[in-house]
C-alpha cells in the first residue's frame, strides 16, 4: 500500500509530539506531511494544507481523526464524498454521554463518513445504537511498543522482588502500583483512602510511579493516612526497563479514575488492573480488563467498593503465573500493532469487520 501521513505539530494538550528527525523515520520522510494546526478558542481546530491537490490524486481511502471539532475534516470529507473517495473516521466514535449540540455535531460528522475505526466494542455498540451500520465499524483496539515489551517480558522470571522494591521495609507484602501522570482525573486520593482502610487489618505496600500537578497533594495525603514504611512515591520514569521491573513485581495496578493505556502497559508485563466499571466515563482500554480474570472492577467513586475489590484480589488470586498468562493473552490477541495492521488492511480491502 502507498501510504501518506499528515500531522500537525502544534498541540494544545501538552503531550510530547513525534520527532521526525529520528534516524528510523528518515527513510519515510517523503511520506510525512507536516501541517499547521490553527486553534480557535483552544477547542476548534483548522489544519492548513492543500486538500485539493490530494483529492486530485484520487486516493482510495482517507483516514481522519473522528473529531467534529477539527473544522477542516468537514471540508475534506465533503470533497472526498463528492469525488467517490472512501472516508474513514478513527477515534472513540461516541462516548454515549453526548447531549445537545455536541451530540448533533458528532453524529452528523460520523454519518457522512463511509467507515469507522473505533478502539473498543463499547464504542461500536454506541455507534450502532445511533444509526450507523455495524458492518462499517471496525474495532482497532490500541497498543504500545509491543515488540520491546515482549523482550522485557522474557526477563520477568529472573526478577528479584526484594531488590526492585528495596525502598519498602517489607517488600514481600502485596504491592499495589499506579503508573502514569498524577492528575485530578486519575482520582488517586481514592486509592490512598482505600489503602488507609486496608492497612487497618492487612499490611500492603503502595507504589506510585509518575509526576504531575497532584504530586504535592497526594504526598501530603499519604503522609497523613498511610503507614510510613508502606508507601513510596517513585517519581516519573521513562526508562522502560525500570518500568517493566516495577510493574512486573507488583501484584495489582490500581487506577481509580479512568485507566487508558496504563491498563495496556500493566497487562503487557503480566500485572492485573483494578479500575472503575462505568464504561461511559472510562477510556476505551478499560475493556481489556475481564473482571476477576486479569483484573477487577469496582463501583465508580466508591472508596468502600475499591477497598473490597483490592481485598478480593489479594485474597483470591494466589497463582501469580496463571494471572500473568491471563494478562498476556488479551495483549497478544488484540492489543498489538500486528492485529491493528490486520484490521486496517481488512478495512481497506473492503471486507466486513473482524469483530
Protein backbone atom coordinates (compact mmCIF):
# COMPACT_ATOMS: atom_id res chain seq x y z
CA UNK A 1 0.00 0.00 0.00
CA UNK A 2 1.18 3.51 -0.82
CA UNK A 3 0.64 5.40 2.44
CA UNK A 4 0.99 9.10 3.27
CA UNK A 5 0.76 10.67 6.73
CA UNK A 6 -0.42 14.16 7.67
CA UNK A 7 0.48 15.55 11.06
CA UNK A 8 0.09 18.89 12.84
CA UNK A 9 2.93 19.59 15.27
CA UNK A 10 1.19 22.30 17.27
CA UNK A 11 -0.68 20.76 20.19
CA UNK A 12 -2.87 22.24 22.93
CA UNK A 13 -2.63 19.10 25.11
CA UNK A 14 0.98 19.35 26.30
CA UNK A 15 1.66 15.81 25.07
CA UNK A 16 5.08 15.37 23.50
CA UNK A 17 4.96 15.06 19.71
CA UNK A 18 6.96 12.77 17.44
CA UNK A 19 10.50 13.77 16.49
CA UNK A 20 10.50 13.18 12.74
CA UNK A 21 14.27 13.72 12.58
CA UNK A 22 14.94 10.39 14.27
CA UNK A 23 17.12 8.09 12.19
CA UNK A 24 14.46 5.35 11.97
CA UNK A 25 11.95 7.80 10.44
CA UNK A 26 14.25 9.44 7.85
CA UNK A 27 13.67 6.81 5.12
CA UNK A 28 9.96 7.66 5.35
CA UNK A 29 10.35 11.44 5.38
CA UNK A 30 8.83 11.83 1.89
CA UNK A 31 5.63 10.22 3.19
CA UNK A 32 5.24 12.55 6.18
CA UNK A 33 3.46 15.84 5.57
CA UNK A 34 3.64 18.48 8.29
CA UNK A 35 0.53 20.62 8.69
CA UNK A 36 -0.14 23.74 10.71
CA UNK A 37 -2.80 23.48 13.41
CA UNK A 38 -4.69 26.72 13.99
CA UNK A 39 -6.62 26.67 17.28
CA UNK A 40 -9.77 28.71 17.70
CA UNK A 41 -10.60 29.27 21.39
CA UNK A 42 -8.46 26.19 22.25
CA UNK A 43 -11.19 23.81 21.08
CA UNK A 44 -11.92 24.23 17.39
CA UNK A 45 -9.06 23.35 15.05
CA UNK A 46 -8.28 24.16 11.44
CA UNK A 47 -5.47 22.23 9.73
CA UNK A 48 -3.83 24.18 6.91
CA UNK A 49 -2.82 22.15 3.84
CA UNK A 50 -3.76 21.94 0.18
CA UNK A 51 -6.52 19.36 0.24
CA UNK A 52 -7.38 19.98 -3.41
CA UNK A 53 -4.03 18.66 -4.65
CA UNK A 54 -4.51 15.44 -2.69
CA UNK A 55 -8.10 14.98 -3.81
CA UNK A 56 -6.90 15.26 -7.43
CA UNK A 57 -4.59 12.28 -6.82
CA UNK A 58 -7.68 10.17 -6.15
CA UNK A 59 -6.55 8.19 -3.10
CA UNK A 60 -8.62 5.09 -2.43
CA UNK A 61 -9.08 5.84 1.28
CA UNK A 62 -8.58 8.78 3.62
CA UNK A 63 -8.45 8.08 7.38
CA UNK A 64 -9.21 11.10 9.55
CA UNK A 65 -9.35 11.62 13.30
CA UNK A 66 -13.05 11.25 14.00
CA UNK A 67 -13.41 14.59 15.78
CA UNK A 68 -16.08 17.04 14.67
CA UNK A 69 -14.18 19.97 16.23
CA UNK A 70 -11.47 19.67 13.54
CA UNK A 71 -13.22 22.01 11.12
CA UNK A 72 -11.04 21.12 8.14
CA UNK A 73 -12.21 17.49 8.45
CA UNK A 74 -15.69 18.53 7.34
CA UNK A 75 -14.31 20.10 4.16
CA UNK A 76 -12.08 17.09 3.42
CA UNK A 77 -14.96 14.68 3.97
CA UNK A 78 -17.38 16.56 1.72
CA UNK A 79 -14.84 16.87 -1.12
CA UNK A 80 -13.89 13.21 -0.76
CA UNK A 81 -17.51 12.03 -0.89
CA UNK A 82 -18.17 14.15 -3.99
CA UNK A 83 -15.12 12.52 -5.64
CA UNK A 84 -16.03 8.96 -4.56
CA UNK A 85 -13.09 8.64 -2.16
CA UNK A 86 -13.68 6.47 0.90
CA UNK A 87 -13.56 8.40 4.18
CA UNK A 88 -12.81 6.57 7.44
CA UNK A 89 -13.13 8.19 10.88
CA UNK A 90 -10.69 6.95 13.53
CA UNK A 91 -11.18 7.50 17.24
CA UNK A 92 -13.56 6.91 20.11
CA UNK A 93 -16.64 7.14 17.93
CA UNK A 94 -19.21 8.22 20.51
CA UNK A 95 -18.96 8.09 24.30
CA UNK A 96 -22.67 7.71 24.96
CA UNK A 97 -22.93 10.77 27.21
CA UNK A 98 -23.15 13.44 24.49
CA UNK A 99 -26.06 15.88 24.63
CA UNK A 100 -27.46 18.81 22.69
CA UNK A 101 -25.27 20.47 20.06
CA UNK A 102 -22.33 18.16 20.78
CA UNK A 103 -24.48 15.08 20.14
CA UNK A 104 -25.89 16.54 16.92
CA UNK A 105 -22.45 17.64 15.62
CA UNK A 106 -20.72 14.35 16.43
CA UNK A 107 -23.48 12.19 14.90
CA UNK A 108 -23.67 14.40 11.82
CA UNK A 109 -19.94 14.18 11.14
CA UNK A 110 -19.72 10.43 11.72
CA UNK A 111 -22.73 9.74 9.50
CA UNK A 112 -21.11 11.36 6.46
CA UNK A 113 -18.06 9.08 6.81
CA UNK A 114 -18.11 5.75 4.94
CA UNK A 115 -16.44 3.63 7.59
CA UNK A 116 -15.18 3.88 11.17
CA UNK A 117 -12.22 2.69 13.21
CA UNK A 118 -13.02 2.62 16.94
CA UNK A 119 -10.94 1.46 19.90
CA UNK A 120 -13.36 -0.92 21.58
CA UNK A 121 -16.58 -2.96 21.37
CA UNK A 122 -18.34 -0.41 23.59
CA UNK A 123 -17.66 2.32 21.01
CA UNK A 124 -19.04 0.11 18.22
CA UNK A 125 -22.16 -0.63 20.25
CA UNK A 126 -22.89 3.07 20.83
CA UNK A 127 -22.39 3.96 17.16
CA UNK A 128 -24.71 1.12 16.13
CA UNK A 129 -27.40 2.36 18.53
CA UNK A 130 -27.10 5.79 16.92
CA UNK A 131 -27.93 4.53 13.46
CA UNK A 132 -24.52 3.68 11.98
CA UNK A 133 -24.25 0.36 10.13
CA UNK A 134 -22.33 -2.17 12.30
CA UNK A 135 -20.66 -3.57 9.16
CA UNK A 136 -18.99 -0.17 8.65
CA UNK A 137 -17.45 -0.15 12.16
CA UNK A 138 -14.07 -1.86 12.60
CA UNK A 139 -12.54 -2.30 16.07
CA UNK A 140 -8.87 -1.26 16.05
CA UNK A 141 -8.01 -1.59 19.77
CA UNK A 142 -4.76 0.14 20.85
CA UNK A 143 -1.12 -0.70 21.53
CA UNK A 144 2.17 0.43 22.99
CA UNK A 145 5.71 -0.68 21.99
CA UNK A 146 4.72 -4.33 21.80
CA UNK A 147 7.96 -5.81 20.47
CA UNK A 148 10.11 -4.04 23.07
CA UNK A 149 7.75 -5.04 25.87
CA UNK A 150 7.79 -8.68 24.76
CA UNK A 151 11.58 -8.70 25.11
CA UNK A 152 11.35 -7.29 28.64
CA UNK A 153 8.64 -9.83 29.41
CA UNK A 154 11.19 -12.62 28.90
CA UNK A 155 13.25 -11.23 31.80
CA UNK A 156 10.40 -11.28 34.32
CA UNK A 157 11.03 -14.80 35.75
CA UNK A 158 14.51 -13.72 36.86
CA UNK A 159 13.42 -10.54 38.66
CA UNK A 160 14.09 -10.23 42.38
CA UNK A 161 11.18 -8.50 44.09
CA UNK A 162 13.11 -7.53 47.23
CA UNK A 163 15.88 -5.89 45.18
CA UNK A 164 13.49 -3.93 42.97
CA UNK A 165 11.23 -2.82 45.84
CA UNK A 166 14.13 -2.12 48.21
CA UNK A 167 12.51 1.15 49.37
CA UNK A 168 9.84 -0.80 51.27
CA UNK A 169 10.55 -2.17 54.76
CA UNK A 170 8.74 -5.40 53.80
CA UNK A 171 8.98 -5.93 50.06
CA UNK A 172 7.31 -9.35 50.32
CA UNK A 173 3.93 -7.75 51.13
CA UNK A 174 1.27 -7.46 48.40
CA UNK A 175 2.21 -4.38 46.37
CA UNK A 176 -0.25 -2.10 44.60
CA UNK A 177 1.10 0.17 41.87
CA UNK A 178 -0.13 3.16 39.91
CA UNK A 179 1.94 4.34 36.95
CA UNK A 180 1.09 7.43 34.92
CA UNK A 181 0.60 11.18 35.15
CA UNK A 182 -0.58 12.37 38.57
CA UNK A 183 -3.61 14.43 37.55
CA UNK A 184 -7.04 15.04 39.07
CA UNK A 185 -8.80 12.82 36.53
CA UNK A 186 -6.93 9.79 37.91
CA UNK A 187 -8.62 10.29 41.34
CA UNK A 188 -5.64 8.87 43.23
CA UNK A 189 -6.93 10.25 46.50
CA UNK A 190 -9.48 7.38 46.38
CA UNK A 191 -6.62 4.88 46.19
CA UNK A 192 -4.88 6.40 49.22
CA UNK A 193 -8.16 6.41 51.19
CA UNK A 194 -8.81 2.76 50.28
CA UNK A 195 -5.27 1.73 51.25
CA UNK A 196 -5.69 3.51 54.61
CA UNK A 197 -8.77 1.36 55.27
CA UNK A 198 -6.99 -1.83 54.14
CA UNK A 199 -3.92 -1.18 56.29
CA UNK A 200 -6.06 -1.26 59.45
CA UNK A 201 -6.35 -5.03 59.00
CA UNK A 202 -3.97 -6.11 56.22
CA UNK A 203 -0.45 -4.82 55.56
CA UNK A 204 0.09 -3.83 51.91
CA UNK A 205 2.55 -1.63 50.01
CA UNK A 206 1.57 1.25 47.72
CA UNK A 207 3.92 2.36 44.92
CA UNK A 208 3.11 5.45 42.84
CA UNK A 209 5.23 6.00 39.72
CA UNK A 210 4.81 9.30 37.94
CA UNK A 211 4.69 13.05 38.37
CA UNK A 212 2.14 15.76 37.77
CA UNK A 213 0.04 18.55 39.19
CA UNK A 214 -1.35 16.39 42.03
CA UNK A 215 2.02 15.21 43.38
CA UNK A 216 2.25 17.54 46.41
CA UNK A 217 -1.36 17.00 47.47
CA UNK A 218 -1.08 13.22 47.18
CA UNK A 219 2.19 13.08 49.13
CA UNK A 220 0.58 15.10 51.94
CA UNK A 221 -2.50 12.87 51.95
CA UNK A 222 -0.34 9.72 52.07
CA UNK A 223 1.81 11.04 54.91
CA UNK A 224 -1.31 11.79 56.96
CA UNK A 225 -3.09 8.48 56.36
CA UNK A 226 -0.69 5.66 55.49
CA UNK A 227 1.95 3.72 57.38
CA UNK A 228 5.29 5.41 56.74
CA UNK A 229 7.20 2.34 55.58
CA UNK A 230 4.41 1.02 53.31
CA UNK A 231 4.13 3.68 50.60
CA UNK A 232 6.60 5.19 48.15
CA UNK A 233 6.45 7.94 45.51
CA UNK A 234 8.97 6.85 42.91
CA UNK A 235 8.68 9.91 40.65
CA UNK A 236 8.42 9.84 36.87
CA UNK A 237 10.19 7.17 34.84
CA UNK A 238 10.60 6.99 31.07
CA UNK A 239 13.02 4.07 31.26
CA UNK A 240 11.04 1.08 30.02
CA UNK A 241 13.42 -1.40 31.66
CA UNK A 242 12.73 0.23 35.02
CA UNK A 243 9.00 0.40 34.36
CA UNK A 244 8.97 -3.29 33.42
CA UNK A 245 10.60 -4.22 36.70
CA UNK A 246 8.33 -2.07 38.87
CA UNK A 247 5.12 -3.22 37.18
CA UNK A 248 6.08 -6.89 36.88
CA UNK A 249 6.90 -7.41 40.57
CA UNK A 250 3.76 -5.59 41.72
CA UNK A 251 0.61 -7.59 42.39
CA UNK A 252 -2.09 -5.22 41.15
CA UNK A 253 -2.15 -1.95 39.22
CA UNK A 254 -4.87 0.37 40.53
CA UNK A 255 -6.24 3.34 38.56
CA UNK A 256 -9.31 4.69 40.42
CA UNK A 257 -10.25 7.24 37.72
CA UNK A 258 -10.05 6.47 34.03
CA UNK A 259 -7.38 3.95 33.15
CA UNK A 260 -6.43 4.35 29.46
CA UNK A 261 -3.11 3.00 28.23
CA UNK A 262 -1.99 2.37 31.81
CA UNK A 263 -4.07 -0.81 31.56
CA UNK A 264 -2.23 -1.95 28.43
CA UNK A 265 1.14 -1.07 30.00
CA UNK A 266 0.41 -3.11 33.10
CA UNK A 267 -1.16 -6.11 31.34
CA UNK A 268 1.81 -6.22 28.95
CA UNK A 269 4.04 -7.05 31.92
CA UNK A 270 1.63 -9.57 33.44
CA UNK A 271 0.17 -7.39 36.19
CA UNK A 272 -3.65 -7.23 36.55
CA UNK A 273 -5.56 -3.96 36.67
CA UNK A 274 -8.19 -2.55 39.02
CA UNK A 275 -10.37 0.34 37.83
CA UNK A 276 -13.99 1.50 37.92
CA UNK A 277 -16.75 -0.20 35.91
CA UNK A 278 -18.57 2.79 34.37
CA UNK A 279 -17.63 2.48 30.68
CA UNK A 280 -19.46 5.74 29.88
CA UNK A 281 -16.70 7.57 31.77
CA UNK A 282 -13.79 5.27 31.05
CA UNK A 283 -11.03 5.30 28.49
CA UNK A 284 -11.55 2.58 25.85
CA UNK A 285 -8.64 0.44 27.06
CA UNK A 286 -10.63 -0.43 30.20
CA UNK A 287 -12.36 -3.09 28.09
CA UNK A 288 -9.11 -5.08 28.08
CA UNK A 289 -9.92 -5.99 31.70
CA UNK A 290 -12.02 -9.08 32.33
CA UNK A 291 -13.48 -8.92 35.85
CA UNK A 292 -11.73 -11.32 38.27
CA UNK A 293 -9.61 -12.80 35.45
CA UNK A 294 -6.91 -10.25 34.53
CA UNK A 295 -8.13 -7.53 36.84
CA UNK A 296 -11.08 -6.38 38.89
CA UNK A 297 -13.70 -3.63 38.64
CA UNK A 298 -15.33 -1.53 41.34
CA UNK A 299 -18.17 0.98 41.59
CA UNK A 300 -17.05 4.39 40.37
CA UNK A 301 -16.02 6.89 43.10
CA UNK A 302 -16.91 4.41 45.88
CA UNK A 303 -13.97 4.02 48.30
CA UNK A 304 -15.55 1.07 50.10
CA UNK A 305 -16.10 -0.72 46.78
CA UNK A 306 -12.49 -0.03 45.77
CA UNK A 307 -11.24 -1.37 49.10
CA UNK A 308 -13.34 -4.52 48.73
CA UNK A 309 -12.13 -5.07 45.16
CA UNK A 310 -8.47 -4.84 46.21
CA UNK A 311 -9.04 -7.15 49.17
CA UNK A 312 -10.86 -9.69 46.97
CA UNK A 313 -7.95 -9.75 44.55
CA UNK A 314 -5.31 -10.12 47.26
CA UNK A 315 -7.28 -12.89 48.99
CA UNK A 316 -8.39 -14.92 45.96
CA UNK A 317 -5.58 -14.87 43.40
CA UNK A 318 -2.69 -16.95 44.67
CA UNK A 319 -1.50 -18.38 41.32
CA UNK A 320 0.62 -15.46 40.07
CA UNK A 321 1.77 -17.28 36.93
CA UNK A 322 -1.79 -18.02 35.87
CA UNK A 323 -2.68 -14.37 36.37
CA UNK A 324 0.30 -13.37 34.20
CA UNK A 325 -0.88 -15.67 31.42
CA UNK A 326 -4.38 -14.16 31.59
CA UNK A 327 -2.86 -10.67 31.28
CA UNK A 328 -0.64 -11.59 28.33
CA UNK A 329 -3.46 -13.32 26.45
CA UNK A 330 -5.53 -10.20 25.73
CA UNK A 331 -2.42 -8.20 24.75
CA UNK A 332 -1.12 -10.88 22.41
CA UNK A 333 -4.54 -11.37 20.82
CA UNK A 334 -5.74 -7.79 20.28
CA UNK A 335 -3.66 -5.00 21.81
CA UNK A 336 -0.66 -5.06 19.50
CA UNK A 337 0.32 -3.44 16.18
CA UNK A 338 0.18 -6.75 14.32
CA UNK A 339 -3.55 -7.03 14.98
CA UNK A 340 -4.06 -3.34 14.20
CA UNK A 341 -2.33 -3.79 10.83
CA UNK A 342 -4.66 -6.70 10.07
CA UNK A 343 -7.73 -4.58 10.92
CA UNK A 344 -6.67 -1.66 8.71
CA UNK A 345 -5.79 -3.89 5.76
CA UNK A 346 -9.10 -5.72 6.14
CA UNK A 347 -10.99 -2.41 6.10
CA UNK A 348 -9.16 -1.04 3.05
CA UNK A 349 -9.70 -4.31 1.19
CA UNK A 350 -13.44 -3.79 1.63
CA UNK A 351 -14.12 -6.74 3.90
CA UNK A 352 -16.55 -6.93 6.82
CA UNK A 353 -15.16 -6.18 10.31
CA UNK A 354 -13.14 -8.91 12.03
CA UNK A 355 -15.23 -8.34 15.19
